[in-house]
């Protein structure tokens, strides 16, 4: 028997309930992610637009931080404003 996947959200709903009332499900979640279950297994997560945008911003920050860390050891190049 396969292992159950963890539900990574405090809020969950069934696919049937999501189909019946998607806005109601999201309103009850108060902006938190909602795990959508099929036979008591999470199959996907619904996020509010606000939460999704914040997630994308966070990912972008992590990517930029990785670039900064990678470039920290590079030799510094001095440029004057007149040269730009």
Protein backbone atom coordinates (compact mmCIF):
# COMPACT_ATOMS: atom_id res chain seq x y z
CA UNK A 1 0.00 0.00 0.00
CA UNK A 2 1.37 3.44 -0.91
CA UNK A 3 2.18 5.99 1.74
CA UNK A 4 -0.26 8.87 2.25
CA UNK A 5 1.02 12.24 1.09
CA UNK A 6 1.11 14.90 3.80
CA UNK A 7 -1.46 17.68 3.65
CA UNK A 8 0.60 20.87 3.69
CA UNK A 9 -2.23 23.20 4.64
CA UNK A 10 -4.45 23.86 7.65
CA UNK A 11 -7.48 24.03 5.34
CA UNK A 12 -8.72 21.33 3.00
CA UNK A 13 -11.74 20.59 0.85
CA UNK A 14 -12.95 17.95 -1.56
CA UNK A 15 -12.97 18.40 -5.31
CA UNK A 16 -16.78 18.12 -5.17
CA UNK A 17 -17.08 20.99 -2.67
CA UNK A 18 -14.65 23.12 -4.67
CA UNK A 19 -16.77 22.58 -7.80
CA UNK A 20 -19.98 23.50 -5.93
CA UNK A 21 -18.70 26.68 -4.32
CA UNK A 22 -15.13 27.72 -5.23
CA UNK A 23 -15.45 31.27 -3.90
CA UNK A 24 -16.96 30.04 -0.64
CA UNK A 25 -14.07 27.64 -0.12
CA UNK A 26 -11.54 30.41 -0.69
CA UNK A 27 -13.40 32.88 1.53
CA UNK A 28 -13.43 30.38 4.39
CA UNK A 29 -9.66 29.93 4.03
CA UNK A 30 -9.09 33.66 4.69
CA UNK A 31 -6.20 33.83 2.21
CA UNK A 32 -4.50 30.64 3.39
CA UNK A 33 -3.73 27.82 0.94
CA UNK A 34 -6.43 25.16 0.56
CA UNK A 35 -5.52 21.52 -0.03
CA UNK A 36 -7.95 19.95 -2.50
CA UNK A 37 -8.44 16.28 -1.75
CA UNK A 38 -9.48 13.35 -3.87
CA UNK A 39 -10.20 10.24 -1.77
CA UNK A 40 -8.53 11.92 1.21
CA UNK A 41 -5.29 12.56 -0.70
CA UNK A 42 -4.10 16.04 -1.68
CA UNK A 43 -4.14 16.43 -5.45
CA UNK A 44 -3.50 20.17 -5.68
CA UNK A 45 -3.55 23.39 -3.68
CA UNK A 46 -5.60 26.53 -4.28
CA UNK A 47 -4.07 29.88 -3.43
CA UNK A 48 -5.59 33.33 -3.37
CA UNK A 49 -4.14 35.73 -5.93
CA UNK A 50 -2.54 37.68 -3.07
CA UNK A 51 -0.84 34.57 -1.64
CA UNK A 52 0.32 33.46 -5.09
CA UNK A 53 1.85 36.90 -5.80
CA UNK A 54 3.63 36.85 -2.42
CA UNK A 55 4.98 33.37 -3.19
CA UNK A 56 6.33 34.53 -6.56
CA UNK A 57 7.93 37.58 -4.92
CA UNK A 58 9.59 35.32 -2.34
CA UNK A 59 10.92 32.98 -5.02
CA UNK A 60 12.31 35.96 -6.94
CA UNK A 61 14.02 37.24 -3.76
CA UNK A 62 15.61 33.82 -3.21
CA UNK A 63 16.86 33.74 -6.81
CA UNK A 64 18.33 37.24 -6.49
CA UNK A 65 19.99 36.33 -3.18
CA UNK A 66 21.60 33.31 -4.86
CA UNK A 67 22.97 35.56 -7.62
CA UNK A 68 24.36 38.00 -5.05
CA UNK A 69 26.02 35.18 -3.10
CA UNK A 70 27.49 33.75 -6.32
CA UNK A 71 28.93 37.12 -7.33
CA UNK A 72 30.33 38.11 -3.92
CA UNK A 73 33.74 36.67 -4.69
CA UNK A 74 34.04 38.32 -8.12
CA UNK A 75 36.54 41.09 -8.62
CA UNK A 76 35.07 44.56 -8.26
CA UNK A 77 34.97 46.77 -11.36
CA UNK A 78 35.13 50.53 -10.82
CA UNK A 79 33.05 52.58 -13.28
CA UNK A 80 32.40 56.30 -13.29
CA UNK A 81 29.01 57.77 -14.13
CA UNK A 82 30.55 59.49 -17.15
CA UNK A 83 31.52 56.11 -18.58
CA UNK A 84 27.95 54.89 -18.46
